Amino acid sequence: MKQIVLLFFTFSGICTAMSQSITVMPALDTVSGKALKKETAIKIRPAANIYPNPAKNKAEISVNGFEPGYLQIQMADVKGNLVRNDTRLLLTGNEVVLMMFSLSPGIYFITLKQKEKMLRKRLLVH
């Protein structure tokens, strides 16, 4: 039964991720109306939300502003000890990542890294 539930959540997460896409338009010069060079295009800042927070044994991380590709997810306790290090594949860069864990109650810091982008969030486990 647990395998069926996990398969359902995995499949629903993939479907949700495929339905959420952001089209980035090149930046335009305000005077001429022409597209600017790629280096001057608007960059989307990465963002993430963790829910439920506080969590018990699973949490969903909704990531936005990352590129399609691999995302490194690290969990550290308050002392800075690394308790988990995962790599997940993002299909669109804007999707929900499901994390299952069995950690002792406390405060944990989740760090999301991808190339030069890095984001840190706090998670309370009860």
PDB file of N, CA and C in Angstrom:
ATOM      1  N   MET A   1       0.821  -1.192   0.000  1.00  0.00           N
ATOM      2  CA  MET A   1       0.000   0.000   0.000  1.00  0.00           C
ATOM      3  C   MET A   1       0.869   1.262   0.000  1.00  0.00           C
ATOM      4  N   LYS A   2       1.990   1.233   0.761  1.00  0.00           N
ATOM      5  CA  LYS A   2       2.873   2.385   0.822  1.00  0.00           C
ATOM      6  C   LYS A   2       3.483   2.673  -0.550  1.00  0.00           C
ATOM      7  N   GLN A   3       3.776   1.608  -1.297  1.00  0.00           N
ATOM      8  CA  GLN A   3       4.370   1.787  -2.622  1.00  0.00           C
ATOM      9  C   GLN A   3       3.378   2.454  -3.570  1.00  0.00           C
ATOM     10  N   ILE A   4       2.104   2.096  -3.466  1.00  0.00           N
ATOM     11  CA  ILE A   4       1.086   2.697  -4.335  1.00  0.00           C
ATOM     12  C   ILE A   4       0.919   4.172  -4.003  1.00  0.00           C
ATOM     13  N   VAL A   5       0.895   4.514  -2.715  1.00  0.00           N
ATOM     14  CA  VAL A   5       0.748   5.905  -2.301  1.00  0.00           C
ATOM     15  C   VAL A   5       1.951   6.715  -2.755  1.00  0.00           C
ATOM     16  N   LEU A   6       3.162   6.179  -2.571  1.00  0.00           N
ATOM     17  CA  LEU A   6       4.374   6.873  -2.994  1.00  0.00           C
ATOM     18  C   LEU A   6       4.387   7.061  -4.501  1.00  0.00           C
ATOM     19  N   LEU A   7       3.959   6.033  -5.239  1.00  0.00           N
ATOM     20  CA  LEU A   7       3.890   6.133  -6.697  1.00  0.00           C
ATOM     21  C   LEU A   7       2.897   7.210  -7.113  1.00  0.00           C
ATOM     22  N   PHE A   8       1.752   7.297  -6.419  1.00  0.00           N
ATOM     23  CA  PHE A   8       0.759   8.319  -6.732  1.00  0.00           C
ATOM     24  C   PHE A   8       1.320   9.717  -6.505  1.00  0.00           C
ATOM     25  N   PHE A   9       2.000   9.933  -5.343  1.00  0.00           N
ATOM     26  CA  PHE A   9       2.571  11.250  -5.069  1.00  0.00           C
ATOM     27  C   PHE A   9       3.661  11.606  -6.062  1.00  0.00           C
ATOM     28  N   THR A  10       4.471  10.627  -6.445  1.00  0.00           N
ATOM     29  CA  THR A  10       5.527  10.876  -7.427  1.00  0.00           C
ATOM     30  C   THR A  10       4.914  11.253  -8.765  1.00  0.00           C
ATOM     31  N   PHE A  11       3.912  10.520  -9.209  1.00  0.00           N
ATOM     32  CA  PHE A  11       3.267  10.796 -10.485  1.00  0.00           C
ATOM     33  C   PHE A  11       2.561  12.148 -10.465  1.00  0.00           C
ATOM     34  N   SER A  12       1.871  12.453  -9.366  1.00  0.00           N
ATOM     35  CA  SER A  12       1.178  13.744  -9.298  1.00  0.00           C
ATOM     36  C   SER A  12       2.173  14.896  -9.258  1.00  0.00           C
ATOM     37  N   GLY A  13       3.331  14.699  -8.630  1.00  0.00           N
ATOM     38  CA  GLY A  13       4.363  15.735  -8.619  1.00  0.00           C
ATOM     39  C   GLY A  13       4.921  15.981 -10.004  1.00  0.00           C
ATOM     40  N   ILE A  14       5.105  14.917 -10.791  1.00  0.00           N
ATOM     41  CA  ILE A  14       5.599  15.072 -12.156  1.00  0.00           C
ATOM     42  C   ILE A  14       4.572  15.790 -13.004  1.00  0.00           C
ATOM     43  N   CYS A  15       3.305  15.433 -12.867  1.00  0.00           N
ATOM     44  CA  CYS A  15       2.254  16.100 -13.641  1.00  0.00           C
ATOM     45  C   CYS A  15       2.162  17.573 -13.262  1.00  0.00           C
ATOM     46  N   THR A  16       2.283  17.867 -11.976  1.00  0.00           N
ATOM     47  CA  THR A  16       2.243  19.261 -11.539  1.00  0.00           C
ATOM     48  C   THR A  16       3.424  20.027 -12.100  1.00  0.00           C
ATOM     49  N   ALA A  17       4.594  19.400 -12.081  1.00  0.00           N
ATOM     50  CA  ALA A  17       5.791  20.068 -12.584  1.00  0.00           C
ATOM     51  C   ALA A  17       5.696  20.337 -14.082  1.00  0.00           C
ATOM     52  N   MET A  18       5.115  19.423 -14.821  1.00  0.00           N
ATOM     53  CA  MET A  18       5.020  19.601 -16.266  1.00  0.00           C
ATOM     54  C   MET A  18       4.004  20.678 -16.631  1.00  0.00           C
ATOM     55  N   SER A  19       3.028  20.911 -15.750  1.00  0.00           N
ATOM     56  CA  SER A  19       2.019  21.910 -16.062  1.00  0.00           C
ATOM     57  C   SER A  19       2.451  23.321 -15.694  1.00  0.00           C
ATOM     58  N   GLN A  20       3.514  23.457 -14.901  1.00  0.00           N
ATOM     59  CA  GLN A  20       3.987  24.766 -14.481  1.00  0.00           C
ATOM     60  C   GLN A  20       5.227  25.134 -15.275  1.00  0.00           C
ATOM     61  N   SER A  21       5.091  26.068 -16.167  1.00  0.00           N
ATOM     62  CA  SER A  21       6.263  26.517 -16.913  1.00  0.00           C
ATOM     63  C   SER A  21       6.227  28.037 -17.015  1.00  0.00           C
ATOM     64  N   ILE A  22       7.408  28.631 -17.029  1.00  0.00           N
ATOM     65  CA  ILE A  22       7.537  30.074 -17.147  1.00  0.00           C
ATOM     66  C   ILE A  22       8.316  30.370 -18.416  1.00  0.00           C
ATOM     67  N   THR A  23       7.777  31.248 -19.220  1.00  0.00           N
ATOM     68  CA  THR A  23       8.465  31.665 -20.422  1.00  0.00           C
ATOM     69  C   THR A  23       9.186  32.972 -20.113  1.00  0.00           C
ATOM     70  N   VAL A  24      10.485  32.969 -20.329  1.00  0.00           N
ATOM     71  CA  VAL A  24      11.280  34.158 -20.064  1.00  0.00           C
ATOM     72  C   VAL A  24      11.472  34.892 -21.382  1.00  0.00           C
ATOM     73  N   MET A  25      10.972  36.108 -21.427  1.00  0.00           N
ATOM     74  CA  MET A  25      11.104  36.928 -22.626  1.00  0.00           C
ATOM     75  C   MET A  25      12.386  37.738 -22.514  1.00  0.00           C
ATOM     76  N   PRO A  26      13.075  37.982 -23.631  1.00  0.00           N
ATOM     77  CA  PRO A  26      14.278  38.808 -23.558  1.00  0.00           C
ATOM     78  C   PRO A  26      13.926  40.243 -23.196  1.00  0.00           C
ATOM     79  N   ALA A  27      14.834  40.900 -22.525  1.00  0.00           N
ATOM     80  CA  ALA A  27      14.625  42.291 -22.122  1.00  0.00           C
ATOM     81  C   ALA A  27      14.663  43.185 -23.363  1.00  0.00           C
ATOM     82  N   LEU A  28      13.816  44.213 -23.370  1.00  0.00           N
ATOM     83  CA  LEU A  28      13.751  45.134 -24.501  1.00  0.00           C
ATOM     84  C   LEU A  28      14.325  46.480 -24.120  1.00  0.00           C
ATOM     85  N   ASP A  29      14.995  47.106 -25.078  1.00  0.00           N
ATOM     86  CA  ASP A  29      15.500  48.461 -24.894  1.00  0.00           C
ATOM     87  C   ASP A  29      14.298  49.399 -24.912  1.00  0.00           C
ATOM     88  N   THR A  30      14.206  50.298 -23.939  1.00  0.00           N
ATOM     89  CA  THR A  30      13.035  51.167 -23.847  1.00  0.00           C
ATOM     90  C   THR A  30      13.007  52.223 -24.942  1.00  0.00           C
ATOM     91  N   VAL A  31      14.145  52.561 -25.521  1.00  0.00           N
ATOM     92  CA  VAL A  31      14.194  53.600 -26.548  1.00  0.00           C
ATOM     93  C   VAL A  31      13.916  53.016 -27.927  1.00  0.00           C
ATOM     94  N   SER A  32      14.669  51.983 -28.298  1.00  0.00           N
ATOM     95  CA  SER A  32      14.538  51.440 -29.654  1.00  0.00           C
ATOM     96  C   SER A  32      13.523  50.306 -29.748  1.00  0.00           C
ATOM     97  N   GLY A  33      13.206  49.644 -28.641  1.00  0.00           N
ATOM     98  CA  GLY A  33      12.277  48.526 -28.674  1.00  0.00           C
ATOM     99  C   GLY A  33      12.926  47.230 -29.132  1.00  0.00           C
ATOM    100  N   LYS A  34      14.239  47.229 -29.354  1.00  0.00           N
ATOM    101  CA  LYS A  34      14.945  46.031 -29.795  1.00  0.00           C
ATOM    102  C   LYS A  34      15.347  45.191 -28.581  1.00  0.00           C
ATOM    103  N   ALA A  35      15.503  43.886 -28.831  1.00  0.00           N
ATOM    104  CA  ALA A  35      15.917  42.985 -27.763  1.00  0.00           C
ATOM    105  C   ALA A  35      17.369  43.262 -27.382  1.00  0.00           C
ATOM    106  N   LEU A  36      17.630  43.262 -26.066  1.00  0.00           N
ATOM    107  CA  LEU A  36      18.984  43.460 -25.567  1.00  0.00           C
ATOM    108  C   LEU A  36      19.772  42.153 -25.672  1.00  0.00           C
ATOM    109  N   LYS A  37      21.065  42.243 -25.467  1.00  0.00           N
ATOM    110  CA  LYS A  37      21.912  41.056 -25.508  1.00  0.00           C
ATOM    111  C   LYS A  37      21.515  40.093 -24.404  1.00  0.00           C
ATOM    112  N   LYS A  38      21.914  38.846 -24.572  1.00  0.00           N
ATOM    113  CA  LYS A  38      21.552  37.810 -23.622  1.00  0.00           C
ATOM    114  C   LYS A  38      22.078  38.110 -22.215  1.00  0.00           C
ATOM    115  N   GLU A  39      23.229  38.759 -22.116  1.00  0.00           N
ATOM    116  CA  GLU A  39      23.815  39.055 -20.812  1.00  0.00           C
ATOM    117  C   GLU A  39      22.962  40.048 -20.021  1.00  0.00           C
ATOM    118  N   THR A  40      22.197  40.891 -20.713  1.00  0.00           N
ATOM    119  CA  THR A  40      21.411  41.907 -20.019  1.00  0.00           C
ATOM    120  C   THR A  40      19.956  41.492 -19.839  1.00  0.00           C
ATOM    121  N   ALA A  41      19.609  40.265 -20.198  1.00  0.00           N
ATOM    122  CA  ALA A  41      18.232  39.800 -20.040  1.00  0.00           C
ATOM    123  C   ALA A  41      17.889  39.704 -18.551  1.00  0.00           C
ATOM    124  N   ILE A  42      16.623  39.785 -18.227  1.00  0.00           N
ATOM    125  CA  ILE A  42      16.157  39.736 -16.849  1.00  0.00           C
ATOM    126  C   ILE A  42      16.339  38.322 -16.308  1.00  0.00           C
ATOM    127  N   LYS A  43      16.924  38.221 -15.127  1.00  0.00           N
ATOM    128  CA  LYS A  43      17.127  36.922 -14.501  1.00  0.00           C
ATOM    129  C   LYS A  43      16.104  36.749 -13.390  1.00  0.00           C
ATOM    130  N   ILE A  44      15.541  35.553 -13.300  1.00  0.00           N
ATOM    131  CA  ILE A  44      14.557  35.246 -12.276  1.00  0.00           C
ATOM    132  C   ILE A  44      15.291  34.788 -11.026  1.00  0.00           C
ATOM    133  N   ARG A  45      14.951  35.384  -9.885  1.00  0.00           N
ATOM    134  CA  ARG A  45      15.566  34.998  -8.625  1.00  0.00           C
ATOM    135  C   ARG A  45      14.959  33.684  -8.153  1.00  0.00           C
ATOM    136  N   PRO A  46      15.776  32.779  -7.663  1.00  0.00           N
ATOM    137  CA  PRO A  46      15.232  31.516  -7.165  1.00  0.00           C
ATOM    138  C   PRO A  46      14.433  31.725  -5.884  1.00  0.00           C
ATOM    139  N   ALA A  47      13.385  30.932  -5.731  1.00  0.00           N
ATOM    140  CA  ALA A  47      12.547  30.988  -4.541  1.00  0.00           C
ATOM    141  C   ALA A  47      12.090  29.579  -4.204  1.00  0.00           C
ATOM    142  N   ALA A  48      11.752  29.365  -2.939  1.00  0.00           N
ATOM    143  CA  ALA A  48      11.269  28.059  -2.504  1.00  0.00           C
ATOM    144  C   ALA A  48      10.349  28.232  -1.304  1.00  0.00           C
ATOM    145  N   ASN A  49       9.374  27.357  -1.222  1.00  0.00           N
ATOM    146  CA  ASN A  49       8.472  27.295  -0.076  1.00  0.00           C
ATOM    147  C   ASN A  49       8.456  25.862   0.417  1.00  0.00           C
ATOM    148  N   ILE A  50       8.499  25.682   1.724  1.00  0.00           N
ATOM    149  CA  ILE A  50       8.460  24.351   2.323  1.00  0.00           C
ATOM    150  C   ILE A  50       7.143  24.215   3.072  1.00  0.00           C
ATOM    151  N   TYR A  51       6.436  23.142   2.791  1.00  0.00           N
ATOM    152  CA  TYR A  51       5.187  22.897   3.497  1.00  0.00           C
ATOM    153  C   TYR A  51       4.983  21.404   3.657  1.00  0.00           C
ATOM    154  N   PRO A  52       4.372  20.928   4.698  1.00  0.00           N
ATOM    155  CA  PRO A  52       4.015  21.694   5.892  1.00  0.00           C
ATOM    156  C   PRO A  52       5.266  22.035   6.689  1.00  0.00           C
ATOM    157  N   ASN A  53       5.208  23.122   7.363  1.00  0.00           N
ATOM    158  CA  ASN A  53       6.313  23.535   8.213  1.00  0.00           C
ATOM    159  C   ASN A  53       5.717  24.045   9.510  1.00  0.00           C
ATOM    160  N   PRO A  54       5.738  23.341  10.594  1.00  0.00           N
ATOM    161  CA  PRO A  54       6.568  22.208  10.950  1.00  0.00           C
ATOM    162  C   PRO A  54       6.092  20.898  10.302  1.00  0.00           C
ATOM    163  N   ALA A  55       7.034  20.001  10.066  1.00  0.00           N
ATOM    164  CA  ALA A  55       6.763  18.719   9.426  1.00  0.00           C
ATOM    165  C   ALA A  55       7.065  17.587  10.403  1.00  0.00           C
ATOM    166  N   LYS A  56       6.573  16.408  10.054  1.00  0.00           N
ATOM    167  CA  LYS A  56       6.834  15.247  10.896  1.00  0.00           C
ATOM    168  C   LYS A  56       7.775  14.269  10.194  1.00  0.00           C
ATOM    169  N   ASN A  57       7.380  13.746   9.041  1.00  0.00           N
ATOM    170  CA  ASN A  57       8.232  12.788   8.341  1.00  0.00           C
ATOM    171  C   ASN A  57       8.294  13.016   6.834  1.00  0.00           C
ATOM    172  N   LYS A  58       7.615  14.044   6.349  1.00  0.00           N
ATOM    173  CA  LYS A  58       7.728  14.387   4.933  1.00  0.00           C
ATOM    174  C   LYS A  58       7.467  15.876   4.758  1.00  0.00           C
ATOM    175  N   ALA A  59       8.060  16.412   3.697  1.00  0.00           N
ATOM    176  CA  ALA A  59       7.871  17.825   3.380  1.00  0.00           C
ATOM    177  C   ALA A  59       7.916  17.979   1.868  1.00  0.00           C
ATOM    178  N   GLU A  60       7.190  18.948   1.373  1.00  0.00           N
ATOM    179  CA  GLU A  60       7.214  19.279  -0.043  1.00  0.00           C
ATOM    180  C   GLU A  60       7.902  20.621  -0.201  1.00  0.00           C
ATOM    181  N   ILE A  61       8.825  20.670  -1.146  1.00  0.00           N
ATOM    182  CA  ILE A  61       9.548  21.906  -1.420  1.00  0.00           C
ATOM    183  C   ILE A  61       9.127  22.382  -2.798  1.00  0.00           C
ATOM    184  N   SER A  62       8.466  23.511  -2.841  1.00  0.00           N
ATOM    185  CA  SER A  62       8.038  24.115  -4.103  1.00  0.00           C
ATOM    186  C   SER A  62       9.136  25.074  -4.545  1.00  0.00           C
ATOM    187  N   VAL A  63       9.828  24.728  -5.640  1.00  0.00           N
ATOM    188  CA  VAL A  63      10.944  25.546  -6.125  1.00  0.00           C
ATOM    189  C   VAL A  63      10.524  26.318  -7.366  1.00  0.00           C
ATOM    190  N   ASN A  64      10.988  27.550  -7.455  1.00  0.00           N
ATOM    191  CA  ASN A  64      10.724  28.417  -8.605  1.00  0.00           C
ATOM    192  C   ASN A  64      11.996  29.183  -8.944  1.00  0.00           C
ATOM    193  N   GLY A  65      12.190  29.451 -10.222  1.00  0.00           N
ATOM    194  CA  GLY A  65      13.315  30.261 -10.641  1.00  0.00           C
ATOM    195  C   GLY A  65      14.602  29.502 -10.872  1.00  0.00           C
ATOM    196  N   PHE A  66      14.567  28.179 -10.781  1.00  0.00           N
ATOM    197  CA  PHE A  66      15.751  27.384 -11.086  1.00  0.00           C
ATOM    198  C   PHE A  66      15.684  26.948 -12.548  1.00  0.00           C
ATOM    199  N   GLU A  67      16.807  26.471 -13.062  1.00  0.00           N
ATOM    200  CA  GLU A  67      16.865  25.995 -14.433  1.00  0.00           C
ATOM    201  C   GLU A  67      16.578  24.499 -14.466  1.00  0.00           C
ATOM    202  N   PRO A  68      16.089  23.979 -15.605  1.00  0.00           N
ATOM    203  CA  PRO A  68      15.957  22.524 -15.715  1.00  0.00           C
ATOM    204  C   PRO A  68      17.327  21.878 -15.570  1.00  0.00           C
ATOM    205  N   GLY A  69      17.394  20.806 -14.840  1.00  0.00           N
ATOM    206  CA  GLY A  69      18.659  20.125 -14.592  1.00  0.00           C
ATOM    207  C   GLY A  69      18.699  19.624 -13.162  1.00  0.00           C
ATOM    208  N   TYR A  70      19.900  19.326 -12.697  1.00  0.00           N
ATOM    209  CA  TYR A  70      20.055  18.764 -11.359  1.00  0.00           C
ATOM    210  C   TYR A  70      20.084  19.850 -10.291  1.00  0.00           C
ATOM    211  N   LEU A  71      19.391  19.566  -9.187  1.00  0.00           N
ATOM    212  CA  LEU A  71      19.321  20.450  -8.028  1.00  0.00           C
ATOM    213  C   LEU A  71      19.857  19.685  -6.832  1.00  0.00           C
ATOM    214  N   GLN A  72      20.820  20.251  -6.137  1.00  0.00           N
ATOM    215  CA  GLN A  72      21.382  19.620  -4.947  1.00  0.00           C
ATOM    216  C   GLN A  72      20.624  20.132  -3.732  1.00  0.00           C
ATOM    217  N   ILE A  73      20.130  19.197  -2.913  1.00  0.00           N
ATOM    218  CA  ILE A  73      19.382  19.529  -1.705  1.00  0.00           C
ATOM    219  C   ILE A  73      20.147  18.980  -0.509  1.00  0.00           C
ATOM    220  N   GLN A  74      20.542  19.872   0.398  1.00  0.00           N
ATOM    221  CA  GLN A  74      21.270  19.472   1.594  1.00  0.00           C
ATOM    222  C   GLN A  74      20.464  19.856   2.824  1.00  0.00           C
ATOM    223  N   MET A  75      20.435  18.949   3.813  1.00  0.00           N
ATOM    224  CA  MET A  75      19.782  19.231   5.094  1.00  0.00           C
ATOM    225  C   MET A  75      20.848  19.185   6.178  1.00  0.00           C
ATOM    226  N   ALA A  76      20.888  20.233   6.988  1.00  0.00           N
ATOM    227  CA  ALA A  76      21.848  20.303   8.087  1.00  0.00           C
ATOM    228  C   ALA A  76      21.098  20.645   9.368  1.00  0.00           C
ATOM    229  N   ASP A  77      21.609  20.141  10.483  1.00  0.00           N
ATOM    230  CA  ASP A  77      20.996  20.471  11.762  1.00  0.00           C
ATOM    231  C   ASP A  77      21.521  21.822  12.251  1.00  0.00           C
ATOM    232  N   VAL A  78      21.119  22.222  13.451  1.00  0.00           N
ATOM    233  CA  VAL A  78      21.484  23.531  13.984  1.00  0.00           C
ATOM    234  C   VAL A  78      22.996  23.651  14.188  1.00  0.00           C
ATOM    235  N   LYS A  79      23.657  22.539  14.496  1.00  0.00           N
ATOM    236  CA  LYS A  79      25.105  22.549  14.716  1.00  0.00           C
ATOM    237  C   LYS A  79      25.893  22.609  13.416  1.00  0.00           C
ATOM    238  N   GLY A  80      25.206  22.448  12.278  1.00  0.00           N
ATOM    239  CA  GLY A  80      25.884  22.491  10.993  1.00  0.00           C
ATOM    240  C   GLY A  80      26.256  21.127  10.449  1.00  0.00           C
ATOM    241  N   ASN A  81      25.874  20.057  11.160  1.00  0.00           N
ATOM    242  CA  ASN A  81      26.164  18.703  10.695  1.00  0.00           C
ATOM    243  C   ASN A  81      25.232  18.338   9.540  1.00  0.00           C
ATOM    244  N   LEU A  82      25.794  17.856   8.451  1.00  0.00           N
ATOM    245  CA  LEU A  82      25.011  17.460   7.283  1.00  0.00           C
ATOM    246  C   LEU A  82      24.310  16.146   7.586  1.00  0.00           C
ATOM    247  N   VAL A  83      22.970  16.143   7.548  1.00  0.00           N
ATOM    248  CA  VAL A  83      22.215  14.935   7.839  1.00  0.00           C
ATOM    249  C   VAL A  83      21.657  14.289   6.577  1.00  0.00           C
ATOM    250  N   ARG A  84      21.615  15.043   5.479  1.00  0.00           N
ATOM    251  CA  ARG A  84      21.103  14.488   4.228  1.00  0.00           C
ATOM    252  C   ARG A  84      21.636  15.304   3.067  1.00  0.00           C
ATOM    253  N   ASN A  85      21.972  14.595   1.983  1.00  0.00           N
ATOM    254  CA  ASN A  85      22.478  15.243   0.779  1.00  0.00           C
ATOM    255  C   ASN A  85      21.870  14.521  -0.414  1.00  0.00           C
ATOM    256  N   ASP A  86      20.951  15.175  -1.129  1.00  0.00           N
ATOM    257  CA  ASP A  86      20.253  14.579  -2.272  1.00  0.00           C
ATOM    258  C   ASP A  86      20.511  15.386  -3.521  1.00  0.00           C
ATOM    259  N   THR A  87      20.361  14.737  -4.644  1.00  0.00           N
ATOM    260  CA  THR A  87      20.378  15.411  -5.940  1.00  0.00           C
ATOM    261  C   THR A  87      19.093  15.035  -6.651  1.00  0.00           C
ATOM    262  N   ARG A  88      18.328  16.029  -7.071  1.00  0.00           N
ATOM    263  CA  ARG A  88      17.055  15.793  -7.758  1.00  0.00           C
ATOM    264  C   ARG A  88      17.097  16.413  -9.147  1.00  0.00           C
ATOM    265  N   LEU A  89      16.379  15.803 -10.058  1.00  0.00           N
ATOM    266  CA  LEU A  89      16.301  16.301 -11.422  1.00  0.00           C
ATOM    267  C   LEU A  89      15.064  17.179 -11.561  1.00  0.00           C
ATOM    268  N   LEU A  90      15.259  18.419 -11.973  1.00  0.00           N
ATOM    269  CA  LEU A  90      14.155  19.336 -12.240  1.00  0.00           C
ATOM    270  C   LEU A  90      13.880  19.320 -13.733  1.00  0.00           C
ATOM    271  N   LEU A  91      12.630  19.088 -14.107  1.00  0.00           N
ATOM    272  CA  LEU A  91      12.281  19.050 -15.525  1.00  0.00           C
ATOM    273  C   LEU A  91      12.065  20.442 -16.095  1.00  0.00           C
ATOM    274  N   THR A  92      11.439  21.322 -15.306  1.00  0.00           N
ATOM    275  CA  THR A  92      11.156  22.677 -15.791  1.00  0.00           C
ATOM    276  C   THR A  92      11.864  23.748 -14.980  1.00  0.00           C
ATOM    277  N   GLY A  93      12.295  23.425 -13.781  1.00  0.00           N
ATOM    278  CA  GLY A  93      12.897  24.410 -12.897  1.00  0.00           C
ATOM    279  C   GLY A  93      11.898  25.035 -11.945  1.00  0.00           C
ATOM    280  N   ASN A  94      10.618  24.776 -12.171  1.00  0.00           N
ATOM    281  CA  ASN A  94       9.544  25.291 -11.314  1.00  0.00           C
ATOM    282  C   ASN A  94       8.620  24.124 -10.992  1.00  0.00           C
ATOM    283  N   GLU A  95       8.875  23.453  -9.900  1.00  0.00           N
ATOM    284  CA  GLU A  95       8.086  22.278  -9.566  1.00  0.00           C
ATOM    285  C   GLU A  95       8.138  21.979  -8.083  1.00  0.00           C
ATOM    286  N   VAL A  96       7.478  20.907  -7.668  1.00  0.00           N
ATOM    287  CA  VAL A  96       7.405  20.503  -6.273  1.00  0.00           C
ATOM    288  C   VAL A  96       8.253  19.249  -6.084  1.00  0.00           C
ATOM    289  N   VAL A  97       9.144  19.291  -5.083  1.00  0.00           N
ATOM    290  CA  VAL A  97      10.011  18.164  -4.754  1.00  0.00           C
ATOM    291  C   VAL A  97       9.535  17.587  -3.433  1.00  0.00           C
ATOM    292  N   LEU A  98       9.275  16.281  -3.395  1.00  0.00           N
ATOM    293  CA  LEU A  98       8.811  15.604  -2.184  1.00  0.00           C
ATOM    294  C   LEU A  98      10.009  14.989  -1.474  1.00  0.00           C
ATOM    295  N   MET A  99      10.126  15.248  -0.172  1.00  0.00           N
ATOM    296  CA  MET A  99      11.213  14.668   0.628  1.00  0.00           C
ATOM    297  C   MET A  99      10.609  13.882   1.783  1.00  0.00           C
ATOM    298  N   MET A 100      11.036  12.635   1.905  1.00  0.00           N
ATOM    299  CA  MET A 100      10.630  11.770   3.013  1.00  0.00           C
ATOM    300  C   MET A 100      11.847  11.619   3.924  1.00  0.00           C
ATOM    301  N   PHE A 101      11.644  11.673   5.242  1.00  0.00           N
ATOM    302  CA  PHE A 101      12.757  11.571   6.171  1.00  0.00           C
ATOM    303  C   PHE A 101      12.266  11.076   7.512  1.00  0.00           C
ATOM    304  N   SER A 102      13.193  10.608   8.328  1.00  0.00           N
ATOM    305  CA  SER A 102      12.893  10.245   9.721  1.00  0.00           C
ATOM    306  C   SER A 102      13.998  10.872  10.571  1.00  0.00           C
ATOM    307  N   LEU A 103      13.744  12.081  10.994  1.00  0.00           N
ATOM    308  CA  LEU A 103      14.713  12.867  11.754  1.00  0.00           C
ATOM    309  C   LEU A 103      14.188  13.121  13.154  1.00  0.00           C
ATOM    310  N   SER A 104      15.096  13.325  14.080  1.00  0.00           N
ATOM    311  CA  SER A 104      14.684  13.672  15.434  1.00  0.00           C
ATOM    312  C   SER A 104      14.149  15.107  15.438  1.00  0.00           C
ATOM    313  N   PRO A 105      13.250  15.419  16.347  1.00  0.00           N
ATOM    314  CA  PRO A 105      12.680  16.772  16.387  1.00  0.00           C
ATOM    315  C   PRO A 105      13.753  17.843  16.563  1.00  0.00           C
ATOM    316  N   GLY A 106      13.564  18.949  15.866  1.00  0.00           N
ATOM    317  CA  GLY A 106      14.507  20.054  15.960  1.00  0.00           C
ATOM    318  C   GLY A 106      14.402  20.968  14.755  1.00  0.00           C
ATOM    319  N   ILE A 107      15.338  21.877  14.648  1.00  0.00           N
ATOM    320  CA  ILE A 107      15.384  22.831  13.539  1.00  0.00           C
ATOM    321  C   ILE A 107      16.451  22.366  12.559  1.00  0.00           C
ATOM    322  N   TYR A 108      16.091  22.357  11.286  1.00  0.00           N
ATOM    323  CA  TYR A 108      17.003  21.949  10.224  1.00  0.00           C
ATOM    324  C   TYR A 108      17.038  23.040   9.158  1.00  0.00           C
ATOM    325  N   PHE A 109      18.170  23.156   8.496  1.00  0.00           N
ATOM    326  CA  PHE A 109      18.330  24.120   7.420  1.00  0.00           C
ATOM    327  C   PHE A 109      18.468  23.366   6.102  1.00  0.00           C
ATOM    328  N   ILE A 110      17.644  23.728   5.132  1.00  0.00           N
ATOM    329  CA  ILE A 110      17.675  23.099   3.816  1.00  0.00           C
ATOM    330  C   ILE A 110      18.326  24.079   2.855  1.00  0.00           C
ATOM    331  N   THR A 111      19.374  23.616   2.180  1.00  0.00           N
ATOM    332  CA  THR A 111      20.096  24.428   1.209  1.00  0.00           C
ATOM    333  C   THR A 111      19.860  23.858  -0.172  1.00  0.00           C
ATOM    334  N   LEU A 112      19.394  24.700  -1.087  1.00  0.00           N
ATOM    335  CA  LEU A 112      19.168  24.314  -2.473  1.00  0.00           C
ATOM    336  C   LEU A 112      20.254  24.953  -3.321  1.00  0.00           C
ATOM    337  N   LYS A 113      20.996  24.144  -4.085  1.00  0.00           N
ATOM    338  CA  LYS A 113      22.099  24.654  -4.894  1.00  0.00           C
ATOM    339  C   LYS A 113      21.950  24.172  -6.339  1.00  0.00           C
ATOM    340  N   GLN A 114      22.209  25.105  -7.258  1.00  0.00           N
ATOM    341  CA  GLN A 114      22.260  24.778  -8.680  1.00  0.00           C
ATOM    342  C   GLN A 114      23.162  25.797  -9.360  1.00  0.00           C
ATOM    343  N   LYS A 115      24.311  25.340  -9.812  1.00  0.00           N
ATOM    344  CA  LYS A 115      25.326  26.200 -10.439  1.00  0.00           C
ATOM    345  C   LYS A 115      25.621  27.379  -9.517  1.00  0.00           C
ATOM    346  N   GLU A 116      25.379  28.614  -9.962  1.00  0.00           N
ATOM    347  CA  GLU A 116      25.678  29.779  -9.126  1.00  0.00           C
ATOM    348  C   GLU A 116      24.499  30.185  -8.239  1.00  0.00           C
ATOM    349  N   LYS A 117      23.358  29.524  -8.365  1.00  0.00           N
ATOM    350  CA  LYS A 117      22.185  29.852  -7.548  1.00  0.00           C
ATOM    351  C   LYS A 117      22.200  29.034  -6.265  1.00  0.00           C
ATOM    352  N   MET A 118      21.898  29.703  -5.141  1.00  0.00           N
ATOM    353  CA  MET A 118      21.837  29.029  -3.853  1.00  0.00           C
ATOM    354  C   MET A 118      20.744  29.670  -3.010  1.00  0.00           C
ATOM    355  N   LEU A 119      20.023  28.837  -2.292  1.00  0.00           N
ATOM    356  CA  LEU A 119      18.912  29.306  -1.476  1.00  0.00           C
ATOM    357  C   LEU A 119      18.875  28.480  -0.199  1.00  0.00           C
ATOM    358  N   ARG A 120      18.622  29.117   0.943  1.00  0.00           N
ATOM    359  CA  ARG A 120      18.574  28.412   2.219  1.00  0.00           C
ATOM    360  C   ARG A 120      17.226  28.689   2.887  1.00  0.00           C
ATOM    361  N   LYS A 121      16.594  27.612   3.388  1.00  0.00           N
ATOM    362  CA  LYS A 121      15.317  27.697   4.094  1.00  0.00           C
ATOM    363  C   LYS A 121      15.409  26.931   5.395  1.00  0.00           C
ATOM    364  N   ARG A 122      14.541  27.290   6.337  1.00  0.00           N
ATOM    365  CA  ARG A 122      14.505  26.630   7.653  1.00  0.00           C
ATOM    366  C   ARG A 122      13.303  25.709   7.725  1.00  0.00           C
ATOM    367  N   LEU A 123      13.498  24.525   8.329  1.00  0.00           N
ATOM    368  CA  LEU A 123      12.434  23.543   8.493  1.00  0.00           C
ATOM    369  C   LEU A 123      12.409  23.098   9.949  1.00  0.00           C
ATOM    370  N   LEU A 124      11.232  23.101  10.539  1.00  0.00           N
ATOM    371  CA  LEU A 124      11.048  22.638  11.904  1.00  0.00           C
ATOM    372  C   LEU A 124      10.446  21.245  11.852  1.00  0.00           C
ATOM    373  N   VAL A 125      11.109  20.278  12.484  1.00  0.00           N
ATOM    374  CA  VAL A 125      10.616  18.891  12.548  1.00  0.00           C
ATOM    375  C   VAL A 125      10.131  18.645  13.968  1.00  0.00           C
ATOM    376  N   HIS A 126       8.894  18.145  14.077  1.00  0.00           N
ATOM    377  CA  HIS A 126       8.351  17.852  15.423  1.00  0.00           C
ATOM    378  C   HIS A 126       8.070  16.389  15.565  1.00  0.00           C
TER     379      HIS A 126
END
